[in-house]
PDB file of N, CA and C in Angstrom:
ATOM      1  N   MET A   1     -11.265   4.657  50.199  1.00  0.00           N
ATOM      2  CA  MET A   1     -10.376   5.459  49.381  1.00  0.00           C
ATOM      3  C   MET A   1      -9.373   4.584  48.624  1.00  0.00           C
ATOM      4  N   PHE A   2      -8.757   3.619  49.317  1.00  0.00           N
ATOM      5  CA  PHE A   2      -7.792   2.724  48.674  1.00  0.00           C
ATOM      6  C   PHE A   2      -8.457   1.905  47.571  1.00  0.00           C
ATOM      7  N   ARG A   3      -9.669   1.442  47.847  1.00  0.00           N
ATOM      8  CA  ARG A   3     -10.394   0.634  46.864  1.00  0.00           C
ATOM      9  C   ARG A   3     -10.666   1.436  45.593  1.00  0.00           C
ATOM     10  N   ARG A   4     -11.022   2.697  45.729  1.00  0.00           N
ATOM     11  CA  ARG A   4     -11.302   3.552  44.572  1.00  0.00           C
ATOM     12  C   ARG A   4     -10.037   3.744  43.743  1.00  0.00           C
ATOM     13  N   ARG A   5      -8.894   3.947  44.366  1.00  0.00           N
ATOM     14  CA  ARG A   5      -7.625   4.092  43.645  1.00  0.00           C
ATOM     15  C   ARG A   5      -7.255   2.806  42.926  1.00  0.00           C
ATOM     16  N   ALA A   6      -7.474   1.695  43.581  1.00  0.00           N
ATOM     17  CA  ALA A   6      -7.171   0.399  42.969  1.00  0.00           C
ATOM     18  C   ALA A   6      -8.015   0.179  41.722  1.00  0.00           C
ATOM     19  N   ILE A   7      -9.276   0.537  41.786  1.00  0.00           N
ATOM     20  CA  ILE A   7     -10.165   0.377  40.626  1.00  0.00           C
ATOM     21  C   ILE A   7      -9.702   1.287  39.485  1.00  0.00           C
ATOM     22  N   VAL A   8      -9.317   2.511  39.784  1.00  0.00           N
ATOM     23  CA  VAL A   8      -8.837   3.443  38.764  1.00  0.00           C
ATOM     24  C   VAL A   8      -7.577   2.900  38.108  1.00  0.00           C
ATOM     25  N   VAL A   9      -6.661   2.345  38.896  1.00  0.00           N
ATOM     26  CA  VAL A   9      -5.416   1.797  38.353  1.00  0.00           C
ATOM     27  C   VAL A   9      -5.719   0.605  37.452  1.00  0.00           C
ATOM     28  N   VAL A  10      -6.618  -0.287  37.872  1.00  0.00           N
ATOM     29  CA  VAL A  10      -6.972  -1.460  37.068  1.00  0.00           C
ATOM     30  C   VAL A  10      -7.639  -1.036  35.773  1.00  0.00           C
ATOM     31  N   VAL A  11      -8.549  -0.087  35.831  1.00  0.00           N
ATOM     32  CA  VAL A  11      -9.236   0.397  34.622  1.00  0.00           C
ATOM     33  C   VAL A  11      -8.234   1.061  33.680  1.00  0.00           C
ATOM     34  N   ALA A  12      -7.328   1.871  34.214  1.00  0.00           N
ATOM     35  CA  ALA A  12      -6.326   2.533  33.372  1.00  0.00           C
ATOM     36  C   ALA A  12      -5.415   1.514  32.710  1.00  0.00           C
ATOM     37  N   ALA A  13      -4.996   0.493  33.448  1.00  0.00           N
ATOM     38  CA  ALA A  13      -4.126  -0.536  32.874  1.00  0.00           C
ATOM     39  C   ALA A  13      -4.849  -1.312  31.788  1.00  0.00           C
ATOM     40  N   ALA A  14      -6.100  -1.665  32.035  1.00  0.00           N
ATOM     41  CA  ALA A  14      -6.872  -2.422  31.038  1.00  0.00           C
ATOM     42  C   ALA A  14      -7.100  -1.589  29.784  1.00  0.00           C
ATOM     43  N   THR A  15      -7.386  -0.316  29.962  1.00  0.00           N
ATOM     44  CA  THR A  15      -7.616   0.563  28.817  1.00  0.00           C
ATOM     45  C   THR A  15      -6.360   0.726  27.979  1.00  0.00           C
ATOM     46  N   SER A  16      -5.203   0.858  28.615  1.00  0.00           N
ATOM     47  CA  SER A  16      -3.975   1.082  27.851  1.00  0.00           C
ATOM     48  C   SER A  16      -3.575  -0.161  27.069  1.00  0.00           C
ATOM     49  N   THR A  17      -3.818  -1.364  27.589  1.00  0.00           N
ATOM     50  CA  THR A  17      -3.472  -2.570  26.833  1.00  0.00           C
ATOM     51  C   THR A  17      -4.427  -2.796  25.683  1.00  0.00           C
ATOM     52  N   ILE A  18      -5.646  -2.346  25.819  1.00  0.00           N
ATOM     53  CA  ILE A  18      -6.611  -2.479  24.721  1.00  0.00           C
ATOM     54  C   ILE A  18      -6.303  -1.463  23.631  1.00  0.00           C
ATOM     55  N   ALA A  19      -5.864  -0.273  24.009  1.00  0.00           N
ATOM     56  CA  ALA A  19      -5.609   0.787  23.034  1.00  0.00           C
ATOM     57  C   ALA A  19      -4.366   0.519  22.195  1.00  0.00           C
ATOM     58  N   ALA A  20      -3.392  -0.201  22.717  1.00  0.00           N
ATOM     59  CA  ALA A  20      -2.142  -0.422  21.983  1.00  0.00           C
ATOM     60  C   ALA A  20      -2.358  -1.110  20.642  1.00  0.00           C
ATOM     61  N   PRO A  21      -3.118  -2.228  20.555  1.00  0.00           N
ATOM     62  CA  PRO A  21      -3.326  -2.836  19.245  1.00  0.00           C
ATOM     63  C   PRO A  21      -4.060  -1.906  18.276  1.00  0.00           C
ATOM     64  N   THR A  22      -4.960  -1.082  18.793  1.00  0.00           N
ATOM     65  CA  THR A  22      -5.675  -0.146  17.930  1.00  0.00           C
ATOM     66  C   THR A  22      -4.699   0.827  17.293  1.00  0.00           C
ATOM     67  N   LEU A  23      -3.757   1.337  18.075  1.00  0.00           N
ATOM     68  CA  LEU A  23      -2.779   2.269  17.526  1.00  0.00           C
ATOM     69  C   LEU A  23      -1.902   1.592  16.480  1.00  0.00           C
ATOM     70  N   ALA A  24      -1.504   0.341  16.730  1.00  0.00           N
ATOM     71  CA  ALA A  24      -0.693  -0.392  15.760  1.00  0.00           C
ATOM     72  C   ALA A  24      -1.484  -0.606  14.471  1.00  0.00           C
ATOM     73  N   TRP A  25      -2.764  -0.908  14.596  1.00  0.00           N
ATOM     74  CA  TRP A  25      -3.595  -1.127  13.418  1.00  0.00           C
ATOM     75  C   TRP A  25      -3.724   0.160  12.620  1.00  0.00           C
ATOM     76  N   ASP A  26      -3.927   1.283  13.307  1.00  0.00           N
ATOM     77  CA  ASP A  26      -4.023   2.571  12.618  1.00  0.00           C
ATOM     78  C   ASP A  26      -2.740   2.890  11.861  1.00  0.00           C
ATOM     79  N   ALA A  27      -1.585   2.558  12.439  1.00  0.00           N
ATOM     80  CA  ALA A  27      -0.306   2.828  11.774  1.00  0.00           C
ATOM     81  C   ALA A  27      -0.170   2.005  10.508  1.00  0.00           C
ATOM     82  N   SER A  28      -0.742   0.791  10.493  1.00  0.00           N
ATOM     83  CA  SER A  28      -0.627  -0.044   9.300  1.00  0.00           C
ATOM     84  C   SER A  28      -1.412   0.531   8.127  1.00  0.00           C
ATOM     85  N   LEU A  29      -2.356   1.410   8.403  1.00  0.00           N
ATOM     86  CA  LEU A  29      -3.124   2.027   7.333  1.00  0.00           C
ATOM     87  C   LEU A  29      -2.437   3.261   6.765  1.00  0.00           C
ATOM     88  N   SER A  30      -1.427   3.748   7.452  1.00  0.00           N
ATOM     89  CA  SER A  30      -0.733   4.942   6.984  1.00  0.00           C
ATOM     90  C   SER A  30       0.255   4.578   5.885  1.00  0.00           C
ATOM     91  N   GLY A  31       1.018   5.545   5.437  1.00  0.00           N
ATOM     92  CA  GLY A  31       2.017   5.311   4.408  1.00  0.00           C
ATOM     93  C   GLY A  31       3.217   4.531   4.906  1.00  0.00           C
ATOM     94  N   ASP A  32       3.298   4.281   6.220  1.00  0.00           N
ATOM     95  CA  ASP A  32       4.434   3.581   6.807  1.00  0.00           C
ATOM     96  C   ASP A  32       4.167   2.085   6.913  1.00  0.00           C
ATOM     97  N   ARG A  33       3.513   1.503   5.945  1.00  0.00           N
ATOM     98  CA  ARG A  33       3.200   0.080   6.019  1.00  0.00           C
ATOM     99  C   ARG A  33       4.425  -0.754   5.677  1.00  0.00           C
ATOM    100  N   VAL A  34       4.390  -1.997   6.112  1.00  0.00           N
ATOM    101  CA  VAL A  34       5.480  -2.927   5.837  1.00  0.00           C
ATOM    102  C   VAL A  34       5.457  -3.268   4.353  1.00  0.00           C
ATOM    103  N   LEU A  35       6.618  -3.329   3.738  1.00  0.00           N
ATOM    104  CA  LEU A  35       6.694  -3.645   2.313  1.00  0.00           C
ATOM    105  C   LEU A  35       6.322  -5.104   2.087  1.00  0.00           C
ATOM    106  N   PRO A  36       5.551  -5.390   1.033  1.00  0.00           N
ATOM    107  CA  PRO A  36       5.215  -6.778   0.708  1.00  0.00           C
ATOM    108  C   PRO A  36       6.473  -7.584   0.370  1.00  0.00           C
ATOM    109  N   ALA A  37       6.421  -8.869   0.658  1.00  0.00           N
ATOM    110  CA  ALA A  37       7.545  -9.767   0.378  1.00  0.00           C
ATOM    111  C   ALA A  37       7.223 -10.625  -0.825  1.00  0.00           C
ATOM    112  N   GLY A  38       8.275 -11.029  -1.544  1.00  0.00           N
ATOM    113  CA  GLY A  38       8.083 -11.893  -2.694  1.00  0.00           C
ATOM    114  C   GLY A  38       9.384 -12.524  -3.145  1.00  0.00           C
ATOM    115  N   ARG A  39       9.271 -13.308  -4.220  1.00  0.00           N
ATOM    116  CA  ARG A  39      10.426 -13.967  -4.818  1.00  0.00           C
ATOM    117  C   ARG A  39      10.405 -13.677  -6.307  1.00  0.00           C
ATOM    118  N   VAL A  40      11.560 -13.277  -6.835  1.00  0.00           N
ATOM    119  CA  VAL A  40      11.668 -12.947  -8.259  1.00  0.00           C
ATOM    120  C   VAL A  40      11.510 -14.223  -9.078  1.00  0.00           C
ATOM    121  N   VAL A  41      10.611 -14.183 -10.062  1.00  0.00           N
ATOM    122  CA  VAL A  41      10.399 -15.306 -10.967  1.00  0.00           C
ATOM    123  C   VAL A  41      11.108 -15.045 -12.288  1.00  0.00           C
ATOM    124  N   LYS A  42      10.967 -13.803 -12.801  1.00  0.00           N
ATOM    125  CA  LYS A  42      11.573 -13.450 -14.088  1.00  0.00           C
ATOM    126  C   LYS A  42      11.819 -11.947 -14.118  1.00  0.00           C
ATOM    127  N   VAL A  43      12.910 -11.558 -14.768  1.00  0.00           N
ATOM    128  CA  VAL A  43      13.251 -10.140 -14.918  1.00  0.00           C
ATOM    129  C   VAL A  43      13.357  -9.820 -16.400  1.00  0.00           C
ATOM    130  N   ASP A  44      12.647  -8.772 -16.852  1.00  0.00           N
ATOM    131  CA  ASP A  44      12.738  -8.300 -18.231  1.00  0.00           C
ATOM    132  C   ASP A  44      13.145  -6.830 -18.187  1.00  0.00           C
ATOM    133  N   SER A  45      14.453  -6.597 -18.102  1.00  0.00           N
ATOM    134  CA  SER A  45      14.978  -5.239 -17.963  1.00  0.00           C
ATOM    135  C   SER A  45      14.636  -4.355 -19.157  1.00  0.00           C
ATOM    136  N   ASP A  46      14.650  -4.932 -20.365  1.00  0.00           N
ATOM    137  CA  ASP A  46      14.353  -4.145 -21.569  1.00  0.00           C
ATOM    138  C   ASP A  46      12.942  -3.574 -21.534  1.00  0.00           C
ATOM    139  N   ALA A  47      11.982  -4.352 -21.037  1.00  0.00           N
ATOM    140  CA  ALA A  47      10.591  -3.908 -20.970  1.00  0.00           C
ATOM    141  C   ALA A  47      10.277  -3.194 -19.659  1.00  0.00           C
ATOM    142  N   GLY A  48      11.209  -3.247 -18.692  1.00  0.00           N
ATOM    143  CA  GLY A  48      10.966  -2.632 -17.389  1.00  0.00           C
ATOM    144  C   GLY A  48       9.927  -3.373 -16.580  1.00  0.00           C
ATOM    145  N   LYS A  49       9.946  -4.725 -16.684  1.00  0.00           N
ATOM    146  CA  LYS A  49       8.952  -5.545 -15.988  1.00  0.00           C
ATOM    147  C   LYS A  49       9.627  -6.634 -15.174  1.00  0.00           C
ATOM    148  N   ILE A  50       8.924  -7.059 -14.129  1.00  0.00           N
ATOM    149  CA  ILE A  50       9.415  -8.129 -13.269  1.00  0.00           C
ATOM    150  C   ILE A  50       8.235  -9.012 -12.857  1.00  0.00           C
ATOM    151  N   ALA A  51       8.455 -10.315 -12.900  1.00  0.00           N
ATOM    152  CA  ALA A  51       7.444 -11.264 -12.426  1.00  0.00           C
ATOM    153  C   ALA A  51       7.819 -11.641 -11.003  1.00  0.00           C
ATOM    154  N   ILE A  52       6.839 -11.516 -10.100  1.00  0.00           N
ATOM    155  CA  ILE A  52       7.082 -11.770  -8.684  1.00  0.00           C
ATOM    156  C   ILE A  52       6.026 -12.727  -8.149  1.00  0.00           C
ATOM    157  N   ALA A  53       6.475 -13.766  -7.440  1.00  0.00           N
ATOM    158  CA  ALA A  53       5.575 -14.616  -6.657  1.00  0.00           C
ATOM    159  C   ALA A  53       5.525 -13.949  -5.290  1.00  0.00           C
ATOM    160  N   HIS A  54       4.391 -13.318  -4.975  1.00  0.00           N
ATOM    161  CA  HIS A  54       4.335 -12.509  -3.755  1.00  0.00           C
ATOM    162  C   HIS A  54       3.325 -13.032  -2.747  1.00  0.00           C
ATOM    163  N   LYS A  55       3.543 -12.601  -1.515  1.00  0.00           N
ATOM    164  CA  LYS A  55       2.619 -12.893  -0.425  1.00  0.00           C
ATOM    165  C   LYS A  55       1.462 -11.906  -0.524  1.00  0.00           C
ATOM    166  N   PRO A  56       0.440 -12.048   0.311  1.00  0.00           N
ATOM    167  CA  PRO A  56      -0.698 -11.106   0.234  1.00  0.00           C
ATOM    168  C   PRO A  56      -0.263  -9.644   0.365  1.00  0.00           C
ATOM    169  N   ILE A  57      -0.962  -8.788  -0.382  1.00  0.00           N
ATOM    170  CA  ILE A  57      -0.732  -7.340  -0.323  1.00  0.00           C
ATOM    171  C   ILE A  57      -2.056  -6.724   0.126  1.00  0.00           C
ATOM    172  N   PRO A  58      -2.243  -6.597   1.440  1.00  0.00           N
ATOM    173  CA  PRO A  58      -3.543  -6.180   1.980  1.00  0.00           C
ATOM    174  C   PRO A  58      -4.035  -4.829   1.485  1.00  0.00           C
ATOM    175  N   HIS A  59      -3.162  -3.832   1.350  1.00  0.00           N
ATOM    176  CA  HIS A  59      -3.639  -2.500   0.965  1.00  0.00           C
ATOM    177  C   HIS A  59      -4.151  -2.457  -0.477  1.00  0.00           C
ATOM    178  N   LEU A  60      -3.819  -3.468  -1.269  1.00  0.00           N
ATOM    179  CA  LEU A  60      -4.345  -3.561  -2.637  1.00  0.00           C
ATOM    180  C   LEU A  60      -5.344  -4.709  -2.775  1.00  0.00           C
ATOM    181  N   TYR A  61      -5.697  -5.335  -1.651  1.00  0.00           N
ATOM    182  CA  TYR A  61      -6.657  -6.440  -1.612  1.00  0.00           C
ATOM    183  C   TYR A  61      -6.239  -7.594  -2.517  1.00  0.00           C
ATOM    184  N   MET A  62      -4.932  -7.912  -2.509  1.00  0.00           N
ATOM    185  CA  MET A  62      -4.403  -9.008  -3.331  1.00  0.00           C
ATOM    186  C   MET A  62      -4.041 -10.189  -2.453  1.00  0.00           C
ATOM    187  N   GLU A  63      -4.408 -11.361  -2.907  1.00  0.00           N
ATOM    188  CA  GLU A  63      -3.979 -12.584  -2.248  1.00  0.00           C
ATOM    189  C   GLU A  63      -2.607 -12.965  -2.799  1.00  0.00           C
ATOM    190  N   SER A  64      -2.001 -14.000  -2.226  1.00  0.00           N
ATOM    191  CA  SER A  64      -0.725 -14.502  -2.742  1.00  0.00           C
ATOM    192  C   SER A  64      -0.914 -14.966  -4.176  1.00  0.00           C
ATOM    193  N   MET A  65       0.030 -14.599  -5.035  1.00  0.00           N
ATOM    194  CA  MET A  65      -0.033 -15.013  -6.441  1.00  0.00           C
ATOM    195  C   MET A  65       1.278 -14.674  -7.126  1.00  0.00           C
ATOM    196  N   THR A  66       1.424 -15.096  -8.359  1.00  0.00           N
ATOM    197  CA  THR A  66       2.549 -14.699  -9.192  1.00  0.00           C
ATOM    198  C   THR A  66       2.011 -13.702 -10.206  1.00  0.00           C
ATOM    199  N   MET A  67       2.700 -12.583 -10.331  1.00  0.00           N
ATOM    200  CA  MET A  67       2.179 -11.483 -11.155  1.00  0.00           C
ATOM    201  C   MET A  67       3.327 -10.725 -11.801  1.00  0.00           C
ATOM    202  N   ILE A  68       3.066 -10.152 -12.963  1.00  0.00           N
ATOM    203  CA  ILE A  68       4.051  -9.308 -13.655  1.00  0.00           C
ATOM    204  C   ILE A  68       3.740  -7.860 -13.314  1.00  0.00           C
ATOM    205  N   PHE A  69       4.774  -7.138 -12.882  1.00  0.00           N
ATOM    206  CA  PHE A  69       4.636  -5.732 -12.518  1.00  0.00           C
ATOM    207  C   PHE A  69       5.531  -4.873 -13.397  1.00  0.00           C
ATOM    208  N   GLN A  70       5.070  -3.678 -13.690  1.00  0.00           N
ATOM    209  CA  GLN A  70       5.881  -2.641 -14.334  1.00  0.00           C
ATOM    210  C   GLN A  70       6.675  -1.957 -13.225  1.00  0.00           C
ATOM    211  N   VAL A  71       7.895  -1.522 -13.516  1.00  0.00           N
ATOM    212  CA  VAL A  71       8.686  -0.768 -12.544  1.00  0.00           C
ATOM    213  C   VAL A  71       8.833   0.672 -13.019  1.00  0.00           C
ATOM    214  N   GLU A  72       8.957   1.596 -12.068  1.00  0.00           N
ATOM    215  CA  GLU A  72       9.108   3.007 -12.433  1.00  0.00           C
ATOM    216  C   GLU A  72      10.373   3.243 -13.232  1.00  0.00           C
ATOM    217  N   GLU A  73      11.474   2.652 -12.783  1.00  0.00           N
ATOM    218  CA  GLU A  73      12.771   2.818 -13.440  1.00  0.00           C
ATOM    219  C   GLU A  73      13.374   1.448 -13.730  1.00  0.00           C
ATOM    220  N   PRO A  74      13.642   1.123 -14.991  1.00  0.00           N
ATOM    221  CA  PRO A  74      14.246  -0.176 -15.312  1.00  0.00           C
ATOM    222  C   PRO A  74      15.565  -0.442 -14.598  1.00  0.00           C
ATOM    223  N   THR A  75      16.269   0.619 -14.185  1.00  0.00           N
ATOM    224  CA  THR A  75      17.539   0.425 -13.476  1.00  0.00           C
ATOM    225  C   THR A  75      17.334  -0.245 -12.112  1.00  0.00           C
ATOM    226  N   MET A  76      16.106  -0.213 -11.592  1.00  0.00           N
ATOM    227  CA  MET A  76      15.809  -0.876 -10.320  1.00  0.00           C
ATOM    228  C   MET A  76      15.980  -2.394 -10.432  1.00  0.00           C
ATOM    229  N   LEU A  77      15.942  -2.912 -11.642  1.00  0.00           N
ATOM    230  CA  LEU A  77      16.020  -4.359 -11.861  1.00  0.00           C
ATOM    231  C   LEU A  77      17.461  -4.863 -11.934  1.00  0.00           C
ATOM    232  N   THR A  78      18.419  -3.948 -11.980  1.00  0.00           N
ATOM    233  CA  THR A  78      19.830  -4.324 -12.078  1.00  0.00           C
ATOM    234  C   THR A  78      20.233  -5.188 -10.890  1.00  0.00           C
ATOM    235  N   GLY A  79      20.836  -6.323 -11.181  1.00  0.00           N
ATOM    236  CA  GLY A  79      21.322  -7.208 -10.136  1.00  0.00           C
ATOM    237  C   GLY A  79      20.314  -8.211  -9.614  1.00  0.00           C
ATOM    238  N   LEU A  80      19.051  -8.102 -10.021  1.00  0.00           N
ATOM    239  CA  LEU A  80      18.039  -9.061  -9.578  1.00  0.00           C
ATOM    240  C   LEU A  80      18.018 -10.266 -10.505  1.00  0.00           C
ATOM    241  N   THR A  81      17.922 -11.446  -9.923  1.00  0.00           N
ATOM    242  CA  THR A  81      17.861 -12.681 -10.703  1.00  0.00           C
ATOM    243  C   THR A  81      16.743 -13.560 -10.160  1.00  0.00           C
ATOM    244  N   PRO A  82      16.220 -14.456 -10.986  1.00  0.00           N
ATOM    245  CA  PRO A  82      15.173 -15.359 -10.504  1.00  0.00           C
ATOM    246  C   PRO A  82      15.617 -16.099  -9.244  1.00  0.00           C
ATOM    247  N   GLY A  83      14.708 -16.167  -8.298  1.00  0.00           N
ATOM    248  CA  GLY A  83      14.983 -16.818  -7.025  1.00  0.00           C
ATOM    249  C   GLY A  83      15.310 -15.848  -5.907  1.00  0.00           C
ATOM    250  N   ASP A  84      15.675 -14.597  -6.239  1.00  0.00           N
ATOM    251  CA  ASP A  84      15.990 -13.613  -5.206  1.00  0.00           C
ATOM    252  C   ASP A  84      14.748 -13.307  -4.370  1.00  0.00           C
ATOM    253  N   LYS A  85      14.943 -13.210  -3.062  1.00  0.00           N
ATOM    254  CA  LYS A  85      13.876 -12.769  -2.177  1.00  0.00           C
ATOM    255  C   LYS A  85      13.922 -11.255  -2.140  1.00  0.00           C
ATOM    256  N   ILE A  86      12.744 -10.620  -2.248  1.00  0.00           N
ATOM    257  CA  ILE A  86      12.688  -9.163  -2.276  1.00  0.00           C
ATOM    258  C   ILE A  86      11.560  -8.637  -1.398  1.00  0.00           C
ATOM    259  N   ARG A  87      11.640  -7.353  -1.113  1.00  0.00           N
ATOM    260  CA  ARG A  87      10.536  -6.570  -0.558  1.00  0.00           C
ATOM    261  C   ARG A  87      10.349  -5.430  -1.551  1.00  0.00           C
ATOM    262  N   PHE A  88       9.115  -5.032  -1.755  1.00  0.00           N
ATOM    263  CA  PHE A  88       8.864  -4.021  -2.779  1.00  0.00           C
ATOM    264  C   PHE A  88       7.689  -3.139  -2.413  1.00  0.00           C
ATOM    265  N   LYS A  89       7.688  -1.945  -2.980  1.00  0.00           N
ATOM    266  CA  LYS A  89       6.577  -1.010  -2.800  1.00  0.00           C
ATOM    267  C   LYS A  89       5.832  -0.943  -4.122  1.00  0.00           C
ATOM    268  N   VAL A  90       4.558  -1.245  -4.093  1.00  0.00           N
ATOM    269  CA  VAL A  90       3.746  -1.239  -5.301  1.00  0.00           C
ATOM    270  C   VAL A  90       2.478  -0.440  -5.043  1.00  0.00           C
ATOM    271  N   GLU A  91       2.078   0.322  -6.033  1.00  0.00           N
ATOM    272  CA  GLU A  91       0.858   1.118  -5.962  1.00  0.00           C
ATOM    273  C   GLU A  91       0.090   0.971  -7.263  1.00  0.00           C
ATOM    274  N   ARG A  92      -1.175   1.260  -7.192  1.00  0.00           N
ATOM    275  CA  ARG A  92      -2.025   1.222  -8.392  1.00  0.00           C
ATOM    276  C   ARG A  92      -1.994   2.593  -9.048  1.00  0.00           C
ATOM    277  N   ASP A  93      -1.869   2.613 -10.386  1.00  0.00           N
ATOM    278  CA  ASP A  93      -1.998   3.862 -11.132  1.00  0.00           C
ATOM    279  C   ASP A  93      -2.978   3.637 -12.277  1.00  0.00           C
ATOM    280  N   ASN A  94      -3.063   4.558 -13.190  1.00  0.00           N
ATOM    281  CA  ASN A  94      -4.034   4.451 -14.292  1.00  0.00           C
ATOM    282  C   ASN A  94      -3.764   3.269 -15.218  1.00  0.00           C
ATOM    283  N   ASP A  95      -2.496   2.847 -15.293  1.00  0.00           N
ATOM    284  CA  ASP A  95      -2.137   1.759 -16.207  1.00  0.00           C
ATOM    285  C   ASP A  95      -2.043   0.402 -15.527  1.00  0.00           C
ATOM    286  N   GLY A  96      -2.290   0.324 -14.246  1.00  0.00           N
ATOM    287  CA  GLY A  96      -2.182  -0.945 -13.531  1.00  0.00           C
ATOM    288  C   GLY A  96      -1.396  -0.773 -12.249  1.00  0.00           C
ATOM    289  N   PHE A  97      -0.489  -1.711 -11.990  1.00  0.00           N
ATOM    290  CA  PHE A  97       0.323  -1.677 -10.780  1.00  0.00           C
ATOM    291  C   PHE A  97       1.768  -1.345 -11.146  1.00  0.00           C
ATOM    292  N   VAL A  98       2.364  -0.445 -10.388  1.00  0.00           N
ATOM    293  CA  VAL A  98       3.733  -0.006 -10.648  1.00  0.00           C
ATOM    294  C   VAL A  98       4.556  -0.130  -9.375  1.00  0.00           C
ATOM    295  N   ILE A  99       5.738  -0.715  -9.509  1.00  0.00           N
ATOM    296  CA  ILE A  99       6.657  -0.837  -8.388  1.00  0.00           C
ATOM    297  C   ILE A  99       7.561   0.392  -8.378  1.00  0.00           C
ATOM    298  N   SER A 100       7.610   1.047  -7.215  1.00  0.00           N
ATOM    299  CA  SER A 100       8.430   2.252  -7.091  1.00  0.00           C
ATOM    300  C   SER A 100       9.675   2.013  -6.240  1.00  0.00           C
ATOM    301  N   ARG A 101       9.772   0.848  -5.598  1.00  0.00           N
ATOM    302  CA  ARG A 101      10.940   0.559  -4.771  1.00  0.00           C
ATOM    303  C   ARG A 101      11.108  -0.957  -4.647  1.00  0.00           C
ATOM    304  N   ILE A 102      12.339  -1.428  -4.756  1.00  0.00           N
ATOM    305  CA  ILE A 102      12.646  -2.848  -4.567  1.00  0.00           C
ATOM    306  C   ILE A 102      13.867  -2.951  -3.659  1.00  0.00           C
ATOM    307  N   GLU A 103      13.760  -3.830  -2.665  1.00  0.00           N
ATOM    308  CA  GLU A 103      14.881  -4.105  -1.773  1.00  0.00           C
ATOM    309  C   GLU A 103      15.201  -5.596  -1.855  1.00  0.00           C
ATOM    310  N   ASN A 104      16.451  -5.931  -2.112  1.00  0.00           N
ATOM    311  CA  ASN A 104      16.858  -7.330  -2.143  1.00  0.00           C
ATOM    312  C   ASN A 104      16.926  -7.808  -0.703  1.00  0.00           C
ATOM    313  N   ALA A 105      16.213  -8.882  -0.379  1.00  0.00           N
ATOM    314  CA  ALA A 105      16.132  -9.389   0.998  1.00  0.00           C
ATOM    315  C   ALA A 105      16.939 -10.669   1.175  1.00  0.00           C
ATOM    316  N   ASN A 106      17.829 -11.010   0.241  1.00  0.00           N
ATOM    317  CA  ASN A 106      18.641 -12.230   0.368  1.00  0.00           C
ATOM    318  C   ASN A 106      19.610 -12.112   1.506  1.00  0.00           C
TER     319      ASN A 106
END
């Protein structure tokens, strides 16, 4: 009887440690993903564009690169200068990639 309980406890413990990474991976696919990180290269407030040297963006299958993005609202660029570290939310739309949120990470 004791041996059977011990086996059940070991199996339950092993199963729960294996399931935890799976749950974390599933959460990364939801809308609650971590914002990509980058560094501001250039800001063009008049055109509503920003050049960012960014780290990989897995949900868009992008490797690290420097890229120009359109922003939803040009006012989001206020106060940003080249060299600033940022986190941003970017999505694909019909016209390309659009940033809907920027957080200064300095």
